Amino acid sequence: MISLRQFFSRRRLYDDLHDEIQAHLDERVAELMARGIPRASAVAEARRAFGNVTRLEEDGRDTWALPALDSIVGDLRFAARQLRRAPTLR
């Protein structure tokens, strides 16, 4: 479970996750290029071997999520939008 301080600094956590994944991909590309594989082919092979980067990032985000708090925030946003549309009730 994450702390509230981590919840409010999620953007930094997501950026760190992205940077870590990119570092692993870059390392693999460098290894393949050292074997004599051209850069474009090395990048394609590294991405293919690593898997779907977007899905991995989303799975990482889900790990750090506080579903109840995210749901409450979403509900509050929805309520605010509805109040802007019809600020008075009869």
PDB file of N, CA and C in Angstrom:
ATOM      1  N   MET A   1       0.852  -1.172   0.000  1.00  0.00           N
ATOM      2  CA  MET A   1       0.000   0.000   0.000  1.00  0.00           C
ATOM      3  C   MET A   1       0.898   1.234   0.000  1.00  0.00           C
ATOM      4  N   ILE A   2       0.508   2.233  -0.708  1.00  0.00           N
ATOM      5  CA  ILE A   2       1.315   3.438  -0.779  1.00  0.00           C
ATOM      6  C   ILE A   2       0.852   4.444   0.254  1.00  0.00           C
ATOM      7  N   SER A   3       1.754   5.319   0.636  1.00  0.00           N
ATOM      8  CA  SER A   3       1.394   6.356   1.587  1.00  0.00           C
ATOM      9  C   SER A   3       0.713   7.511   0.859  1.00  0.00           C
ATOM     10  N   LEU A   4       0.092   8.398   1.627  1.00  0.00           N
ATOM     11  CA  LEU A   4      -0.581   9.550   1.011  1.00  0.00           C
ATOM     12  C   LEU A   4       0.415  10.461   0.316  1.00  0.00           C
ATOM     13  N   ARG A   5       1.617  10.581   0.877  1.00  0.00           N
ATOM     14  CA  ARG A   5       2.623  11.432   0.232  1.00  0.00           C
ATOM     15  C   ARG A   5       2.979  10.867  -1.142  1.00  0.00           C
ATOM     16  N   GLN A   6       3.097   9.550  -1.244  1.00  0.00           N
ATOM     17  CA  GLN A   6       3.377   8.940  -2.539  1.00  0.00           C
ATOM     18  C   GLN A   6       2.200   9.122  -3.488  1.00  0.00           C
ATOM     19  N   PHE A   7       0.968   9.083  -2.942  1.00  0.00           N
ATOM     20  CA  PHE A   7      -0.209   9.253  -3.784  1.00  0.00           C
ATOM     21  C   PHE A   7      -0.179  10.605  -4.471  1.00  0.00           C
ATOM     22  N   PHE A   8       0.213  11.638  -3.743  1.00  0.00           N
ATOM     23  CA  PHE A   8       0.218  12.976  -4.310  1.00  0.00           C
ATOM     24  C   PHE A   8       1.464  13.269  -5.135  1.00  0.00           C
ATOM     25  N   SER A   9       2.432  12.356  -5.129  1.00  0.00           N
ATOM     26  CA  SER A   9       3.610  12.531  -5.982  1.00  0.00           C
ATOM     27  C   SER A   9       3.669  11.412  -7.025  1.00  0.00           C
ATOM     28  N   ARG A  10       2.505  10.953  -7.440  1.00  0.00           N
ATOM     29  CA  ARG A  10       2.453   9.846  -8.405  1.00  0.00           C
ATOM     30  C   ARG A  10       3.106  10.186  -9.729  1.00  0.00           C
ATOM     31  N   ARG A  11       3.000  11.426 -10.155  1.00  0.00           N
ATOM     32  CA  ARG A  11       3.589  11.805 -11.445  1.00  0.00           C
ATOM     33  C   ARG A  11       5.083  11.480 -11.452  1.00  0.00           C
ATOM     34  N   ARG A  12       5.761  11.769 -10.344  1.00  0.00           N
ATOM     35  CA  ARG A  12       7.191  11.472 -10.258  1.00  0.00           C
ATOM     36  C   ARG A  12       7.422   9.961 -10.294  1.00  0.00           C
ATOM     37  N   LEU A  13       6.572   9.197  -9.608  1.00  0.00           N
ATOM     38  CA  LEU A  13       6.696   7.746  -9.631  1.00  0.00           C
ATOM     39  C   LEU A  13       6.515   7.205 -11.042  1.00  0.00           C
ATOM     40  N   TYR A  14       5.526   7.731 -11.759  1.00  0.00           N
ATOM     41  CA  TYR A  14       5.282   7.284 -13.126  1.00  0.00           C
ATOM     42  C   TYR A  14       6.452   7.635 -14.033  1.00  0.00           C
ATOM     43  N   ASP A  15       7.013   8.820 -13.846  1.00  0.00           N
ATOM     44  CA  ASP A  15       8.170   9.223 -14.640  1.00  0.00           C
ATOM     45  C   ASP A  15       9.369   8.336 -14.333  1.00  0.00           C
ATOM     46  N   ASP A  16       9.557   7.995 -13.049  1.00  0.00           N
ATOM     47  CA  ASP A  16      10.657   7.100 -12.670  1.00  0.00           C
ATOM     48  C   ASP A  16      10.487   5.727 -13.300  1.00  0.00           C
ATOM     49  N   LEU A  17       9.258   5.224 -13.312  1.00  0.00           N
ATOM     50  CA  LEU A  17       8.985   3.926 -13.931  1.00  0.00           C
ATOM     51  C   LEU A  17       9.302   3.971 -15.420  1.00  0.00           C
ATOM     52  N   HIS A  18       8.864   5.032 -16.088  1.00  0.00           N
ATOM     53  CA  HIS A  18       9.142   5.188 -17.515  1.00  0.00           C
ATOM     54  C   HIS A  18      10.655   5.232 -17.771  1.00  0.00           C
ATOM     55  N   ASP A  19      11.368   5.989 -16.955  1.00  0.00           N
ATOM     56  CA  ASP A  19      12.821   6.104 -17.115  1.00  0.00           C
ATOM     57  C   ASP A  19      13.510   4.752 -16.893  1.00  0.00           C
ATOM     58  N   GLU A  20      13.037   3.982 -15.921  1.00  0.00           N
ATOM     59  CA  GLU A  20      13.624   2.675 -15.639  1.00  0.00           C
ATOM     60  C   GLU A  20      13.411   1.716 -16.808  1.00  0.00           C
ATOM     61  N   ILE A  21      12.207   1.702 -17.349  1.00  0.00           N
ATOM     62  CA  ILE A  21      11.923   0.847 -18.508  1.00  0.00           C
ATOM     63  C   ILE A  21      12.786   1.269 -19.692  1.00  0.00           C
ATOM     64  N   GLN A  22      12.894   2.574 -19.917  1.00  0.00           N
ATOM     65  CA  GLN A  22      13.711   3.077 -21.020  1.00  0.00           C
ATOM     66  C   GLN A  22      15.175   2.691 -20.841  1.00  0.00           C
ATOM     67  N   ALA A  23      15.665   2.725 -19.608  1.00  0.00           N
ATOM     68  CA  ALA A  23      17.057   2.342 -19.339  1.00  0.00           C
ATOM     69  C   ALA A  23      17.287   0.875 -19.694  1.00  0.00           C
ATOM     70  N   HIS A  24      16.327   0.008 -19.356  1.00  0.00           N
ATOM     71  CA  HIS A  24      16.456  -1.411 -19.698  1.00  0.00           C
ATOM     72  C   HIS A  24      16.448  -1.606 -21.217  1.00  0.00           C
ATOM     73  N   LEU A  25      15.562  -0.885 -21.898  1.00  0.00           N
ATOM     74  CA  LEU A  25      15.530  -0.991 -23.358  1.00  0.00           C
ATOM     75  C   LEU A  25      16.836  -0.500 -23.972  1.00  0.00           C
ATOM     76  N   ASP A  26      17.347   0.632 -23.492  1.00  0.00           N
ATOM     77  CA  ASP A  26      18.602   1.180 -24.017  1.00  0.00           C
ATOM     78  C   ASP A  26      19.760   0.220 -23.789  1.00  0.00           C
ATOM     79  N   GLU A  27      19.774  -0.424 -22.630  1.00  0.00           N
ATOM     80  CA  GLU A  27      20.837  -1.388 -22.318  1.00  0.00           C
ATOM     81  C   GLU A  27      20.791  -2.565 -23.288  1.00  0.00           C
ATOM     82  N   ARG A  28      19.590  -3.051 -23.548  1.00  0.00           N
ATOM     83  CA  ARG A  28      19.440  -4.180 -24.472  1.00  0.00           C
ATOM     84  C   ARG A  28      19.823  -3.781 -25.894  1.00  0.00           C
ATOM     85  N   VAL A  29      19.448  -2.583 -26.304  1.00  0.00           N
ATOM     86  CA  VAL A  29      19.825  -2.084 -27.628  1.00  0.00           C
ATOM     87  C   VAL A  29      21.349  -2.023 -27.742  1.00  0.00           C
ATOM     88  N   ALA A  30      22.008  -1.524 -26.707  1.00  0.00           N
ATOM     89  CA  ALA A  30      23.475  -1.428 -26.718  1.00  0.00           C
ATOM     90  C   ALA A  30      24.112  -2.811 -26.837  1.00  0.00           C
ATOM     91  N   GLU A  31      23.547  -3.790 -26.120  1.00  0.00           N
ATOM     92  CA  GLU A  31      24.074  -5.159 -26.201  1.00  0.00           C
ATOM     93  C   GLU A  31      23.933  -5.707 -27.616  1.00  0.00           C
ATOM     94  N   LEU A  32      22.775  -5.498 -28.214  1.00  0.00           N
ATOM     95  CA  LEU A  32      22.551  -6.005 -29.570  1.00  0.00           C
ATOM     96  C   LEU A  32      23.437  -5.298 -30.589  1.00  0.00           C
ATOM     97  N   MET A  33      23.624  -4.000 -30.418  1.00  0.00           N
ATOM     98  CA  MET A  33      24.500  -3.266 -31.338  1.00  0.00           C
ATOM     99  C   MET A  33      25.948  -3.712 -31.189  1.00  0.00           C
ATOM    100  N   ALA A  34      26.343  -4.094 -29.977  1.00  0.00           N
ATOM    101  CA  ALA A  34      27.707  -4.593 -29.763  1.00  0.00           C
ATOM    102  C   ALA A  34      27.932  -5.909 -30.497  1.00  0.00           C
ATOM    103  N   ARG A  35      26.862  -6.635 -30.749  1.00  0.00           N
ATOM    104  CA  ARG A  35      26.947  -7.886 -31.516  1.00  0.00           C
ATOM    105  C   ARG A  35      26.954  -7.642 -33.018  1.00  0.00           C
ATOM    106  N   GLY A  36      26.796  -6.381 -33.415  1.00  0.00           N
ATOM    107  CA  GLY A  36      26.861  -6.042 -34.823  1.00  0.00           C
ATOM    108  C   GLY A  36      25.519  -5.848 -35.491  1.00  0.00           C
ATOM    109  N   ILE A  37      24.467  -5.825 -34.729  1.00  0.00           N
ATOM    110  CA  ILE A  37      23.129  -5.623 -35.296  1.00  0.00           C
ATOM    111  C   ILE A  37      22.917  -4.126 -35.501  1.00  0.00           C
ATOM    112  N   PRO A  38      22.389  -3.721 -36.654  1.00  0.00           N
ATOM    113  CA  PRO A  38      22.133  -2.292 -36.891  1.00  0.00           C
ATOM    114  C   PRO A  38      21.154  -1.716 -35.865  1.00  0.00           C
ATOM    115  N   ARG A  39      21.268  -0.424 -35.603  1.00  0.00           N
ATOM    116  CA  ARG A  39      20.485   0.222 -34.544  1.00  0.00           C
ATOM    117  C   ARG A  39      18.976   0.013 -34.714  1.00  0.00           C
ATOM    118  N   ALA A  40      18.446   0.221 -35.904  1.00  0.00           N
ATOM    119  CA  ALA A  40      16.998   0.075 -36.117  1.00  0.00           C
ATOM    120  C   ALA A  40      16.538  -1.345 -35.790  1.00  0.00           C
ATOM    121  N   SER A  41      17.293  -2.321 -36.223  1.00  0.00           N
ATOM    122  CA  SER A  41      16.940  -3.715 -35.936  1.00  0.00           C
ATOM    123  C   SER A  41      17.099  -4.026 -34.451  1.00  0.00           C
ATOM    124  N   ALA A  42      18.113  -3.442 -33.826  1.00  0.00           N
ATOM    125  CA  ALA A  42      18.349  -3.662 -32.402  1.00  0.00           C
ATOM    126  C   ALA A  42      17.207  -3.079 -31.568  1.00  0.00           C
ATOM    127  N   VAL A  43      16.740  -1.895 -31.945  1.00  0.00           N
ATOM    128  CA  VAL A  43      15.622  -1.270 -31.231  1.00  0.00           C
ATOM    129  C   VAL A  43      14.372  -2.125 -31.379  1.00  0.00           C
ATOM    130  N   ALA A  44      14.093  -2.586 -32.580  1.00  0.00           N
ATOM    131  CA  ALA A  44      12.908  -3.413 -32.818  1.00  0.00           C
ATOM    132  C   ALA A  44      12.991  -4.720 -32.030  1.00  0.00           C
ATOM    133  N   GLU A  45      14.148  -5.345 -32.031  1.00  0.00           N
ATOM    134  CA  GLU A  45      14.323  -6.607 -31.302  1.00  0.00           C
ATOM    135  C   GLU A  45      14.195  -6.399 -29.800  1.00  0.00           C
ATOM    136  N   ALA A  46      14.773  -5.329 -29.273  1.00  0.00           N
ATOM    137  CA  ALA A  46      14.690  -5.049 -27.838  1.00  0.00           C
ATOM    138  C   ALA A  46      13.241  -4.817 -27.422  1.00  0.00           C
ATOM    139  N   ARG A  47      12.499  -4.052 -28.211  1.00  0.00           N
ATOM    140  CA  ARG A  47      11.084  -3.797 -27.887  1.00  0.00           C
ATOM    141  C   ARG A  47      10.260  -5.077 -27.974  1.00  0.00           C
ATOM    142  N   ARG A  48      10.554  -5.897 -28.969  1.00  0.00           N
ATOM    143  CA  ARG A  48       9.833  -7.156 -29.132  1.00  0.00           C
ATOM    144  C   ARG A  48      10.102  -8.082 -27.938  1.00  0.00           C
ATOM    145  N   ALA A  49      11.346  -8.163 -27.515  1.00  0.00           N
ATOM    146  CA  ALA A  49      11.707  -9.034 -26.395  1.00  0.00           C
ATOM    147  C   ALA A  49      11.173  -8.496 -25.067  1.00  0.00           C
ATOM    148  N   PHE A  50      11.144  -7.186 -24.912  1.00  0.00           N
ATOM    149  CA  PHE A  50      10.723  -6.567 -23.649  1.00  0.00           C
ATOM    150  C   PHE A  50       9.217  -6.657 -23.460  1.00  0.00           C
ATOM    151  N   GLY A  51       8.484  -6.551 -24.528  1.00  0.00           N
ATOM    152  CA  GLY A  51       7.026  -6.613 -24.433  1.00  0.00           C
ATOM    153  C   GLY A  51       6.398  -5.244 -24.597  1.00  0.00           C
ATOM    154  N   ASN A  52       5.123  -5.167 -24.329  1.00  0.00           N
ATOM    155  CA  ASN A  52       4.346  -3.955 -24.503  1.00  0.00           C
ATOM    156  C   ASN A  52       4.677  -2.971 -23.376  1.00  0.00           C
ATOM    157  N   VAL A  53       5.419  -1.929 -23.698  1.00  0.00           N
ATOM    158  CA  VAL A  53       5.878  -0.947 -22.705  1.00  0.00           C
ATOM    159  C   VAL A  53       4.693  -0.231 -22.072  1.00  0.00           C
ATOM    160  N   THR A  54       3.722   0.148 -22.850  1.00  0.00           N
ATOM    161  CA  THR A  54       2.559   0.866 -22.320  1.00  0.00           C
ATOM    162  C   THR A  54       1.811   0.003 -21.304  1.00  0.00           C
ATOM    163  N   ARG A  55       1.646  -1.254 -21.616  1.00  0.00           N
ATOM    164  CA  ARG A  55       0.944  -2.143 -20.679  1.00  0.00           C
ATOM    165  C   ARG A  55       1.742  -2.318 -19.395  1.00  0.00           C
ATOM    166  N   LEU A  56       3.050  -2.438 -19.499  1.00  0.00           N
ATOM    167  CA  LEU A  56       3.881  -2.557 -18.302  1.00  0.00           C
ATOM    168  C   LEU A  56       3.771  -1.315 -17.432  1.00  0.00           C
ATOM    169  N   GLU A  57       3.760  -0.136 -18.064  1.00  0.00           N
ATOM    170  CA  GLU A  57       3.621   1.101 -17.301  1.00  0.00           C
ATOM    171  C   GLU A  57       2.257   1.168 -16.626  1.00  0.00           C
ATOM    172  N   GLU A  58       1.210   0.762 -17.337  1.00  0.00           N
ATOM    173  CA  GLU A  58      -0.134   0.769 -16.747  1.00  0.00           C
ATOM    174  C   GLU A  58      -0.228  -0.209 -15.585  1.00  0.00           C
ATOM    175  N   ASP A  59       0.382  -1.381 -15.721  1.00  0.00           N
ATOM    176  CA  ASP A  59       0.390  -2.345 -14.616  1.00  0.00           C
ATOM    177  C   ASP A  59       1.113  -1.777 -13.403  1.00  0.00           C
ATOM    178  N   GLY A  60       2.203  -1.064 -13.654  1.00  0.00           N
ATOM    179  CA  GLY A  60       2.930  -0.418 -12.556  1.00  0.00           C
ATOM    180  C   GLY A  60       2.090   0.640 -11.877  1.00  0.00           C
ATOM    181  N   ARG A  61       1.357   1.411 -12.656  1.00  0.00           N
ATOM    182  CA  ARG A  61       0.474   2.439 -12.090  1.00  0.00           C
ATOM    183  C   ARG A  61      -0.630   1.800 -11.258  1.00  0.00           C
ATOM    184  N   ASP A  62      -1.170   0.690 -11.747  1.00  0.00           N
ATOM    185  CA  ASP A  62      -2.222  -0.002 -11.002  1.00  0.00           C
ATOM    186  C   ASP A  62      -1.706  -0.505  -9.656  1.00  0.00           C
ATOM    187  N   THR A  63      -0.446  -0.891  -9.614  1.00  0.00           N
ATOM    188  CA  THR A  63       0.146  -1.365  -8.377  1.00  0.00           C
ATOM    189  C   THR A  63       0.167  -0.269  -7.324  1.00  0.00           C
ATOM    190  N   TRP A  64       0.387   0.976  -7.746  1.00  0.00           N
ATOM    191  CA  TRP A  64       0.500   2.094  -6.809  1.00  0.00           C
ATOM    192  C   TRP A  64      -0.828   2.797  -6.563  1.00  0.00           C
ATOM    193  N   ALA A  65      -1.864   2.375  -7.221  1.00  0.00           N
ATOM    194  CA  ALA A  65      -3.134   3.098  -7.143  1.00  0.00           C
ATOM    195  C   ALA A  65      -3.841   2.839  -5.818  1.00  0.00           C
ATOM    196  N   LEU A  66      -4.584   3.812  -5.398  1.00  0.00           N
ATOM    197  CA  LEU A  66      -5.504   3.656  -4.272  1.00  0.00           C
ATOM    198  C   LEU A  66      -6.906   3.709  -4.864  1.00  0.00           C
ATOM    199  N   PRO A  67      -7.472   2.560  -5.224  1.00  0.00           N
ATOM    200  CA  PRO A  67      -8.737   2.563  -5.954  1.00  0.00           C
ATOM    201  C   PRO A  67      -9.858   3.341  -5.262  1.00  0.00           C
ATOM    202  N   ALA A  68      -9.982   3.201  -3.958  1.00  0.00           N
ATOM    203  CA  ALA A  68     -11.067   3.895  -3.264  1.00  0.00           C
ATOM    204  C   ALA A  68     -10.885   5.407  -3.360  1.00  0.00           C
ATOM    205  N   LEU A  69      -9.666   5.875  -3.139  1.00  0.00           N
ATOM    206  CA  LEU A  69      -9.410   7.310  -3.200  1.00  0.00           C
ATOM    207  C   LEU A  69      -9.573   7.836  -4.626  1.00  0.00           C
ATOM    208  N   ASP A  70      -9.097   7.081  -5.602  1.00  0.00           N
ATOM    209  CA  ASP A  70      -9.276   7.478  -7.003  1.00  0.00           C
ATOM    210  C   ASP A  70     -10.757   7.551  -7.358  1.00  0.00           C
ATOM    211  N   SER A  71     -11.535   6.606  -6.857  1.00  0.00           N
ATOM    212  CA  SER A  71     -12.966   6.596  -7.123  1.00  0.00           C
ATOM    213  C   SER A  71     -13.645   7.814  -6.494  1.00  0.00           C
ATOM    214  N   ILE A  72     -13.267   8.143  -5.284  1.00  0.00           N
ATOM    215  CA  ILE A  72     -13.854   9.307  -4.608  1.00  0.00           C
ATOM    216  C   ILE A  72     -13.523  10.585  -5.367  1.00  0.00           C
ATOM    217  N   VAL A  73     -12.288  10.717  -5.794  1.00  0.00           N
ATOM    218  CA  VAL A  73     -11.886  11.903  -6.556  1.00  0.00           C
ATOM    219  C   VAL A  73     -12.685  11.993  -7.850  1.00  0.00           C
ATOM    220  N   GLY A  74     -12.855  10.874  -8.530  1.00  0.00           N
ATOM    221  CA  GLY A  74     -13.649  10.857  -9.752  1.00  0.00           C
ATOM    222  C   GLY A  74     -15.103  11.240  -9.500  1.00  0.00           C
ATOM    223  N   ASP A  75     -15.662  10.733  -8.405  1.00  0.00           N
ATOM    224  CA  ASP A  75     -17.040  11.079  -8.054  1.00  0.00           C
ATOM    225  C   ASP A  75     -17.177  12.564  -7.752  1.00  0.00           C
ATOM    226  N   LEU A  76     -16.206  13.137  -7.050  1.00  0.00           N
ATOM    227  CA  LEU A  76     -16.247  14.571  -6.739  1.00  0.00           C
ATOM    228  C   LEU A  76     -16.158  15.414  -8.008  1.00  0.00           C
ATOM    229  N   ARG A  77     -15.334  15.000  -8.943  1.00  0.00           N
ATOM    230  CA  ARG A  77     -15.238  15.723 -10.214  1.00  0.00           C
ATOM    231  C   ARG A  77     -16.567  15.666 -10.975  1.00  0.00           C
ATOM    232  N   PHE A  78     -17.177  14.482 -10.993  1.00  0.00           N
ATOM    233  CA  PHE A  78     -18.465  14.336 -11.663  1.00  0.00           C
ATOM    234  C   PHE A  78     -19.512  15.227 -11.007  1.00  0.00           C
ATOM    235  N   ALA A  79     -19.548  15.242  -9.673  1.00  0.00           N
ATOM    236  CA  ALA A  79     -20.516  16.072  -8.956  1.00  0.00           C
ATOM    237  C   ALA A  79     -20.298  17.547  -9.274  1.00  0.00           C
ATOM    238  N   ALA A  80     -19.053  17.981  -9.329  1.00  0.00           N
ATOM    239  CA  ALA A  80     -18.756  19.382  -9.644  1.00  0.00           C
ATOM    240  C   ALA A  80     -19.239  19.732 -11.050  1.00  0.00           C
ATOM    241  N   ARG A  81     -19.036  18.831 -12.019  1.00  0.00           N
ATOM    242  CA  ARG A  81     -19.518  19.082 -13.382  1.00  0.00           C
ATOM    243  C   ARG A  81     -21.034  19.190 -13.413  1.00  0.00           C
ATOM    244  N   GLN A  82     -21.701  18.324 -12.671  1.00  0.00           N
ATOM    245  CA  GLN A  82     -23.163  18.353 -12.654  1.00  0.00           C
ATOM    246  C   GLN A  82     -23.679  19.637 -12.004  1.00  0.00           C
ATOM    247  N   LEU A  83     -23.012  20.094 -10.963  1.00  0.00           N
ATOM    248  CA  LEU A  83     -23.426  21.335 -10.304  1.00  0.00           C
ATOM    249  C   LEU A  83     -23.232  22.549 -11.202  1.00  0.00           C
ATOM    250  N   ARG A  84     -22.196  22.520 -12.018  1.00  0.00           N
ATOM    251  CA  ARG A  84     -21.985  23.633 -12.955  1.00  0.00           C
ATOM    252  C   ARG A  84     -23.098  23.698 -13.990  1.00  0.00           C
ATOM    253  N   ARG A  85     -23.600  22.541 -14.397  1.00  0.00           N
ATOM    254  CA  ARG A  85     -24.667  22.500 -15.409  1.00  0.00           C
ATOM    255  C   ARG A  85     -25.999  22.971 -14.831  1.00  0.00           C
ATOM    256  N   ALA A  86     -26.295  22.552 -13.618  1.00  0.00           N
ATOM    257  CA  ALA A  86     -27.583  22.890 -12.992  1.00  0.00           C
ATOM    258  C   ALA A  86     -27.316  23.299 -11.544  1.00  0.00           C
ATOM    259  N   PRO A  87     -26.874  24.541 -11.318  1.00  0.00           N
ATOM    260  CA  PRO A  87     -26.478  24.939  -9.971  1.00  0.00           C
ATOM    261  C   PRO A  87     -27.628  25.025  -8.969  1.00  0.00           C
ATOM    262  N   THR A  88     -28.845  25.130  -9.430  1.00  0.00           N
ATOM    263  CA  THR A  88     -29.964  25.201  -8.490  1.00  0.00           C
ATOM    264  C   THR A  88     -30.910  24.054  -8.721  1.00  0.00           C
ATOM    265  N   LEU A  89     -31.476  23.589  -7.654  1.00  0.00           N
ATOM    266  CA  LEU A  89     -32.480  22.522  -7.744  1.00  0.00           C
ATOM    267  C   LEU A  89     -33.827  23.105  -7.342  1.00  0.00           C
ATOM    268  N   ARG A  90     -34.862  22.705  -7.962  1.00  0.00           N
ATOM    269  CA  ARG A  90     -36.205  23.219  -7.645  1.00  0.00           C
ATOM    270  C   ARG A  90     -36.961  22.263  -6.796  1.00  0.00           C
TER     271      ARG A  90
END
